[in-house]
Amino acid sequence: MSQIAINSNLIAMLLATQLVFALYGAGIRRPFGSLATIADLPPAVRRASAITIFADLLFAAFLLWMWWFFIARMDLLQFLVLAIVFGVIGHYLSHRIRLVPSFFISLALGAFCIFAVSQLDAGPTIALSFSPSGK
């Protein structure tokens, strides 16, 4: 008999993490890119390469830490399927939300993930059991 445990807190946090992954840069400036080509930003921000590098490194550290957190607590297949599905949703949204709002949405979702990790008590879990029907 095989069991799959679905933790709603982990799934919500994975959705938020994948949205941060997709919305950071809003499809215009992917991670480790240049702000110089984005017309919505003031000229001082467009020239701020040190701040951009720091933000990109912080973004990469956050993603790696969150993905490690999920892999340690979720079934690998469940993690991969949900991460891909949520990543596709985020990619779709990244091309429909402008850069500045998507950046602030990413910050809010990142803060939610960090808060949720600090408050995680395993949350409500739904357990599904599968058994062969012929026995």
N, C-alpha and C. Protein backbone atom coordinates (compact mmCIF):
# COMPACT_ATOMS: atom_id res chain seq x y z
N MET A 1 0.84 -1.16 0.00
CA MET A 1 0.00 0.00 0.00
C MET A 1 0.90 1.24 0.00
N SER A 2 0.57 2.16 -0.85
CA SER A 2 1.35 3.38 -0.98
C SER A 2 0.54 4.57 -0.44
N GLN A 3 1.20 5.47 0.24
CA GLN A 3 0.53 6.63 0.80
C GLN A 3 1.12 7.91 0.24
N ILE A 4 0.25 8.86 0.01
CA ILE A 4 0.67 10.19 -0.40
C ILE A 4 0.10 11.16 0.62
N ALA A 5 0.96 11.92 1.27
CA ALA A 5 0.51 12.92 2.23
C ALA A 5 0.56 14.29 1.57
N ILE A 6 -0.56 15.00 1.66
CA ILE A 6 -0.65 16.32 1.06
C ILE A 6 -0.76 17.34 2.18
N ASN A 7 0.25 18.17 2.35
CA ASN A 7 0.26 19.19 3.38
C ASN A 7 -0.10 20.52 2.71
N SER A 8 -1.23 21.09 3.10
CA SER A 8 -1.71 22.30 2.45
C SER A 8 -0.79 23.49 2.68
N ASN A 9 -0.13 23.57 3.84
CA ASN A 9 0.80 24.67 4.09
C ASN A 9 2.00 24.60 3.14
N LEU A 10 2.54 23.40 2.95
CA LEU A 10 3.68 23.25 2.05
C LEU A 10 3.30 23.57 0.61
N ILE A 11 2.10 23.17 0.21
CA ILE A 11 1.65 23.44 -1.15
C ILE A 11 1.47 24.94 -1.37
N ALA A 12 0.88 25.63 -0.40
CA ALA A 12 0.72 27.09 -0.51
C ALA A 12 2.08 27.78 -0.56
N MET A 13 3.02 27.30 0.24
CA MET A 13 4.36 27.90 0.25
C MET A 13 5.09 27.61 -1.06
N LEU A 14 4.90 26.41 -1.62
CA LEU A 14 5.53 26.09 -2.90
C LEU A 14 4.94 26.96 -4.01
N LEU A 15 3.63 27.16 -3.99
CA LEU A 15 3.00 28.05 -4.98
C LEU A 15 3.60 29.45 -4.87
N ALA A 16 3.71 29.97 -3.65
CA ALA A 16 4.28 31.30 -3.44
C ALA A 16 5.73 31.35 -3.92
N THR A 17 6.51 30.32 -3.63
CA THR A 17 7.91 30.29 -4.04
C THR A 17 8.03 30.27 -5.57
N GLN A 18 7.22 29.47 -6.23
CA GLN A 18 7.28 29.41 -7.68
C GLN A 18 6.80 30.71 -8.31
N LEU A 19 5.85 31.39 -7.68
CA LEU A 19 5.42 32.69 -8.19
C LEU A 19 6.52 33.72 -8.01
N VAL A 20 7.24 33.65 -6.90
CA VAL A 20 8.40 34.54 -6.71
C VAL A 20 9.41 34.27 -7.82
N PHE A 21 9.66 32.99 -8.09
CA PHE A 21 10.61 32.59 -9.13
C PHE A 21 10.20 33.17 -10.48
N ALA A 22 8.92 33.12 -10.81
CA ALA A 22 8.45 33.58 -12.12
C ALA A 22 8.26 35.09 -12.19
N LEU A 23 7.78 35.69 -11.11
CA LEU A 23 7.45 37.11 -11.16
C LEU A 23 8.64 38.03 -10.91
N TYR A 24 9.71 37.53 -10.34
CA TYR A 24 10.90 38.35 -10.13
C TYR A 24 11.45 38.72 -11.50
N GLY A 25 11.23 39.92 -11.91
CA GLY A 25 11.66 40.36 -13.24
C GLY A 25 10.52 40.39 -14.24
N ALA A 26 9.40 39.80 -13.90
CA ALA A 26 8.17 39.83 -14.71
C ALA A 26 8.37 39.43 -16.17
N GLY A 27 9.26 38.50 -16.43
CA GLY A 27 9.44 38.04 -17.79
C GLY A 27 10.23 39.00 -18.66
N ILE A 28 10.52 40.21 -18.14
CA ILE A 28 11.26 41.20 -18.92
C ILE A 28 12.74 41.05 -18.62
N ARG A 29 13.07 41.00 -17.35
CA ARG A 29 14.46 40.92 -16.89
C ARG A 29 14.60 39.65 -16.07
N ARG A 30 14.99 38.61 -16.70
CA ARG A 30 15.18 37.36 -15.98
C ARG A 30 16.32 37.50 -14.99
N PRO A 31 16.41 36.60 -14.03
CA PRO A 31 17.48 36.73 -13.03
C PRO A 31 18.85 36.93 -13.67
N PHE A 32 19.62 37.78 -13.03
CA PHE A 32 20.99 38.09 -13.44
C PHE A 32 21.01 38.81 -14.80
N GLY A 33 20.01 39.63 -15.03
CA GLY A 33 19.95 40.42 -16.26
C GLY A 33 20.24 41.88 -15.99
N SER A 34 19.88 42.72 -16.91
CA SER A 34 20.18 44.14 -16.81
C SER A 34 18.89 44.94 -16.65
N LEU A 35 18.93 45.94 -15.78
CA LEU A 35 17.80 46.85 -15.61
C LEU A 35 17.85 47.98 -16.63
N ALA A 36 18.94 48.13 -17.36
CA ALA A 36 19.12 49.26 -18.26
C ALA A 36 18.09 49.30 -19.38
N THR A 37 17.51 48.18 -19.75
CA THR A 37 16.57 48.14 -20.86
C THR A 37 15.13 48.35 -20.45
N ILE A 38 14.86 48.55 -19.17
CA ILE A 38 13.49 48.67 -18.69
C ILE A 38 13.11 50.15 -18.60
N ALA A 39 12.15 50.56 -19.40
CA ALA A 39 11.78 51.97 -19.49
C ALA A 39 10.97 52.45 -18.29
N ASP A 40 10.33 51.55 -17.55
CA ASP A 40 9.47 51.95 -16.43
C ASP A 40 10.24 52.47 -15.23
N LEU A 41 11.52 52.22 -15.16
CA LEU A 41 12.30 52.57 -13.98
C LEU A 41 12.97 53.93 -14.13
N PRO A 42 13.17 54.62 -13.00
CA PRO A 42 13.92 55.88 -13.05
C PRO A 42 15.36 55.62 -13.49
N PRO A 43 16.01 56.61 -14.11
CA PRO A 43 17.39 56.41 -14.59
C PRO A 43 18.38 55.99 -13.50
N ALA A 44 18.20 56.48 -12.28
CA ALA A 44 19.13 56.11 -11.19
C ALA A 44 19.04 54.63 -10.87
N VAL A 45 17.85 54.08 -10.92
CA VAL A 45 17.67 52.65 -10.64
C VAL A 45 18.20 51.82 -11.80
N ARG A 46 18.01 52.31 -13.02
CA ARG A 46 18.47 51.57 -14.20
C ARG A 46 19.99 51.43 -14.23
N ARG A 47 20.70 52.36 -13.61
CA ARG A 47 22.17 52.30 -13.58
C ARG A 47 22.72 51.61 -12.34
N ALA A 48 21.89 51.16 -11.43
CA ALA A 48 22.33 50.60 -10.14
C ALA A 48 22.71 49.14 -10.29
N SER A 49 23.89 48.87 -10.80
CA SER A 49 24.29 47.48 -11.04
C SER A 49 24.63 46.75 -9.75
N ALA A 50 25.22 47.41 -8.76
CA ALA A 50 25.56 46.74 -7.49
C ALA A 50 24.31 46.31 -6.75
N ILE A 51 23.30 47.15 -6.76
CA ILE A 51 22.03 46.80 -6.11
C ILE A 51 21.36 45.64 -6.84
N THR A 52 21.43 45.67 -8.16
CA THR A 52 20.84 44.59 -8.96
C THR A 52 21.53 43.26 -8.67
N ILE A 53 22.84 43.27 -8.61
CA ILE A 53 23.58 42.03 -8.33
C ILE A 53 23.24 41.52 -6.93
N PHE A 54 23.18 42.41 -5.95
CA PHE A 54 22.82 42.01 -4.59
C PHE A 54 21.41 41.42 -4.55
N ALA A 55 20.45 42.07 -5.22
CA ALA A 55 19.08 41.56 -5.25
C ALA A 55 19.01 40.20 -5.95
N ASP A 56 19.75 40.04 -7.04
CA ASP A 56 19.76 38.75 -7.74
C ASP A 56 20.36 37.64 -6.89
N LEU A 57 21.43 37.94 -6.17
CA LEU A 57 22.04 36.93 -5.29
C LEU A 57 21.11 36.58 -4.14
N LEU A 58 20.43 37.57 -3.59
CA LEU A 58 19.45 37.32 -2.53
C LEU A 58 18.30 36.47 -3.06
N PHE A 59 17.85 36.77 -4.26
CA PHE A 59 16.79 36.01 -4.92
C PHE A 59 17.22 34.55 -5.12
N ALA A 60 18.42 34.34 -5.64
CA ALA A 60 18.91 32.98 -5.88
C ALA A 60 19.06 32.21 -4.56
N ALA A 61 19.57 32.86 -3.52
CA ALA A 61 19.71 32.20 -2.22
C ALA A 61 18.35 31.82 -1.65
N PHE A 62 17.39 32.71 -1.78
CA PHE A 62 16.03 32.42 -1.30
C PHE A 62 15.45 31.20 -2.01
N LEU A 63 15.57 31.17 -3.34
CA LEU A 63 15.01 30.05 -4.10
C LEU A 63 15.68 28.72 -3.74
N LEU A 64 17.00 28.72 -3.69
CA LEU A 64 17.70 27.48 -3.35
C LEU A 64 17.34 27.00 -1.95
N TRP A 65 17.25 27.93 -1.00
CA TRP A 65 16.89 27.57 0.36
C TRP A 65 15.46 27.01 0.43
N MET A 66 14.53 27.64 -0.26
CA MET A 66 13.14 27.18 -0.24
C MET A 66 13.01 25.82 -0.93
N TRP A 67 13.68 25.64 -2.07
CA TRP A 67 13.59 24.36 -2.75
C TRP A 67 14.19 23.25 -1.90
N TRP A 68 15.28 23.50 -1.22
CA TRP A 68 15.86 22.51 -0.30
C TRP A 68 14.85 22.21 0.82
N PHE A 69 14.20 23.23 1.34
CA PHE A 69 13.19 23.08 2.39
C PHE A 69 12.08 22.15 1.92
N PHE A 70 11.59 22.35 0.70
CA PHE A 70 10.50 21.51 0.18
C PHE A 70 10.95 20.08 -0.10
N ILE A 71 12.11 19.91 -0.69
CA ILE A 71 12.60 18.57 -1.00
C ILE A 71 12.79 17.77 0.27
N ALA A 72 13.18 18.42 1.37
CA ALA A 72 13.37 17.73 2.65
C ALA A 72 12.04 17.32 3.29
N ARG A 73 10.94 17.95 2.90
CA ARG A 73 9.66 17.71 3.57
C ARG A 73 8.58 17.11 2.67
N MET A 74 8.82 17.06 1.37
CA MET A 74 7.82 16.54 0.44
C MET A 74 8.40 15.34 -0.31
N ASP A 75 7.51 14.53 -0.82
CA ASP A 75 7.91 13.47 -1.73
C ASP A 75 8.49 14.12 -2.99
N LEU A 76 9.59 13.60 -3.51
CA LEU A 76 10.27 14.23 -4.63
C LEU A 76 9.37 14.36 -5.86
N LEU A 77 8.61 13.31 -6.17
CA LEU A 77 7.72 13.35 -7.33
C LEU A 77 6.64 14.42 -7.13
N GLN A 78 6.08 14.48 -5.94
CA GLN A 78 5.08 15.49 -5.64
C GLN A 78 5.67 16.89 -5.78
N PHE A 79 6.88 17.09 -5.27
CA PHE A 79 7.55 18.38 -5.39
C PHE A 79 7.74 18.76 -6.86
N LEU A 80 8.27 17.82 -7.65
CA LEU A 80 8.54 18.12 -9.06
C LEU A 80 7.28 18.46 -9.84
N VAL A 81 6.23 17.68 -9.65
CA VAL A 81 4.98 17.93 -10.38
C VAL A 81 4.40 19.28 -9.99
N LEU A 82 4.29 19.54 -8.69
CA LEU A 82 3.71 20.80 -8.25
C LEU A 82 4.59 21.99 -8.63
N ALA A 83 5.90 21.85 -8.53
CA ALA A 83 6.80 22.95 -8.90
C ALA A 83 6.66 23.29 -10.38
N ILE A 84 6.54 22.29 -11.22
CA ILE A 84 6.38 22.54 -12.65
C ILE A 84 5.04 23.19 -12.94
N VAL A 85 3.96 22.67 -12.35
CA VAL A 85 2.63 23.25 -12.57
C VAL A 85 2.59 24.70 -12.08
N PHE A 86 3.09 24.95 -10.87
CA PHE A 86 3.08 26.30 -10.33
C PHE A 86 4.02 27.21 -11.11
N GLY A 87 5.10 26.67 -11.62
CA GLY A 87 6.03 27.45 -12.45
C GLY A 87 5.38 27.89 -13.75
N VAL A 88 4.60 27.01 -14.35
CA VAL A 88 3.88 27.35 -15.59
C VAL A 88 2.86 28.45 -15.32
N ILE A 89 2.14 28.33 -14.21
CA ILE A 89 1.18 29.38 -13.83
C ILE A 89 1.91 30.71 -13.64
N GLY A 90 3.03 30.67 -12.93
CA GLY A 90 3.80 31.88 -12.70
C GLY A 90 4.34 32.48 -14.00
N HIS A 91 4.79 31.62 -14.91
CA HIS A 91 5.30 32.09 -16.20
C HIS A 91 4.19 32.79 -16.97
N TYR A 92 3.01 32.23 -16.96
CA TYR A 92 1.85 32.86 -17.61
C TYR A 92 1.59 34.24 -17.02
N LEU A 93 1.59 34.33 -15.69
CA LEU A 93 1.33 35.61 -15.03
C LEU A 93 2.47 36.61 -15.25
N SER A 94 3.68 36.12 -15.39
CA SER A 94 4.83 37.02 -15.54
C SER A 94 4.75 37.85 -16.82
N HIS A 95 4.05 37.36 -17.82
CA HIS A 95 3.91 38.10 -19.06
C HIS A 95 2.66 38.98 -19.09
N ARG A 96 1.90 38.95 -18.01
CA ARG A 96 0.69 39.76 -17.93
C ARG A 96 0.74 40.82 -16.84
N ILE A 97 1.77 40.78 -16.02
CA ILE A 97 1.93 41.75 -14.93
C ILE A 97 3.18 42.57 -15.22
N ARG A 98 3.06 43.87 -15.11
CA ARG A 98 4.21 44.74 -15.37
C ARG A 98 5.29 44.55 -14.32
N LEU A 99 6.48 45.07 -14.61
CA LEU A 99 7.67 44.82 -13.79
C LEU A 99 7.53 45.30 -12.34
N VAL A 100 7.15 46.55 -12.15
CA VAL A 100 7.13 47.09 -10.78
C VAL A 100 6.09 46.39 -9.91
N PRO A 101 4.83 46.21 -10.36
CA PRO A 101 3.90 45.45 -9.51
C PRO A 101 4.36 44.02 -9.25
N SER A 102 4.95 43.38 -10.25
CA SER A 102 5.39 42.00 -10.05
C SER A 102 6.53 41.92 -9.04
N PHE A 103 7.39 42.94 -9.02
CA PHE A 103 8.47 42.97 -8.04
C PHE A 103 7.90 43.03 -6.63
N PHE A 104 6.90 43.89 -6.41
CA PHE A 104 6.32 44.01 -5.08
C PHE A 104 5.49 42.78 -4.71
N ILE A 105 4.86 42.15 -5.69
CA ILE A 105 4.17 40.88 -5.42
C ILE A 105 5.20 39.83 -5.00
N SER A 106 6.35 39.80 -5.68
CA SER A 106 7.42 38.86 -5.32
C SER A 106 7.91 39.09 -3.91
N LEU A 107 8.10 40.36 -3.54
CA LEU A 107 8.54 40.66 -2.17
C LEU A 107 7.51 40.19 -1.14
N ALA A 108 6.24 40.44 -1.41
CA ALA A 108 5.18 40.03 -0.47
C ALA A 108 5.12 38.51 -0.36
N LEU A 109 5.21 37.81 -1.48
CA LEU A 109 5.16 36.34 -1.44
C LEU A 109 6.41 35.77 -0.77
N GLY A 110 7.55 36.38 -0.99
CA GLY A 110 8.77 35.95 -0.32
C GLY A 110 8.67 36.13 1.18
N ALA A 111 8.11 37.26 1.61
CA ALA A 111 7.90 37.50 3.05
C ALA A 111 6.93 36.49 3.62
N PHE A 112 5.87 36.16 2.84
CA PHE A 112 4.92 35.14 3.29
C PHE A 112 5.63 33.80 3.49
N CYS A 113 6.49 33.42 2.56
CA CYS A 113 7.21 32.14 2.67
C CYS A 113 8.11 32.11 3.90
N ILE A 114 8.84 33.19 4.12
CA ILE A 114 9.74 33.23 5.27
C ILE A 114 8.94 33.18 6.57
N PHE A 115 7.83 33.91 6.62
CA PHE A 115 6.97 33.87 7.81
C PHE A 115 6.39 32.47 8.00
N ALA A 116 5.92 31.86 6.92
CA ALA A 116 5.32 30.53 7.02
C ALA A 116 6.33 29.48 7.47
N VAL A 117 7.56 29.58 7.00
CA VAL A 117 8.59 28.64 7.43
C VAL A 117 8.83 28.78 8.93
N SER A 118 8.85 30.01 9.41
CA SER A 118 9.09 30.23 10.84
C SER A 118 7.92 29.77 11.69
N GLN A 119 6.72 29.70 11.12
CA GLN A 119 5.53 29.30 11.86
C GLN A 119 5.07 27.88 11.55
N LEU A 120 5.81 27.17 10.71
CA LEU A 120 5.36 25.85 10.23
C LEU A 120 5.22 24.87 11.38
N ASP A 121 4.02 24.31 11.47
CA ASP A 121 3.77 23.27 12.47
C ASP A 121 3.19 22.03 11.80
N ALA A 122 3.55 21.86 10.55
CA ALA A 122 3.12 20.75 9.70
C ALA A 122 1.73 20.94 9.16
N GLY A 123 0.90 21.76 9.74
CA GLY A 123 -0.40 22.10 9.19
C GLY A 123 -1.30 20.91 8.97
N PRO A 124 -2.47 21.15 8.40
CA PRO A 124 -3.38 20.05 8.13
C PRO A 124 -2.85 19.16 7.00
N THR A 125 -2.89 17.89 7.22
CA THR A 125 -2.40 16.93 6.24
C THR A 125 -3.53 16.01 5.84
N ILE A 126 -3.65 15.78 4.55
CA ILE A 126 -4.64 14.83 4.03
C ILE A 126 -3.85 13.63 3.55
N ALA A 127 -4.18 12.47 4.05
CA ALA A 127 -3.48 11.25 3.65
C ALA A 127 -4.36 10.44 2.72
N LEU A 128 -3.81 10.05 1.59
CA LEU A 128 -4.51 9.21 0.63
C LEU A 128 -3.81 7.86 0.59
N SER A 129 -4.58 6.79 0.57
CA SER A 129 -4.00 5.45 0.49
C SER A 129 -4.47 4.78 -0.77
N PHE A 130 -3.54 4.09 -1.42
CA PHE A 130 -3.85 3.34 -2.62
C PHE A 130 -3.54 1.88 -2.37
N SER A 131 -4.49 1.00 -2.70
CA SER A 131 -4.25 -0.43 -2.55
C SER A 131 -4.77 -1.14 -3.80
N PRO A 132 -4.18 -2.25 -4.16
CA PRO A 132 -4.64 -2.99 -5.34
C PRO A 132 -6.10 -3.40 -5.17
N SER A 133 -6.91 -3.23 -6.20
CA SER A 133 -8.32 -3.52 -6.10
C SER A 133 -8.66 -5.00 -6.28
N GLY A 134 -7.76 -5.81 -6.74
CA GLY A 134 -8.03 -7.22 -6.99
C GLY A 134 -7.83 -8.11 -5.78
N LYS A 135 -7.46 -7.60 -4.62
CA LYS A 135 -7.15 -8.46 -3.48
C LYS A 135 -8.08 -8.21 -2.34
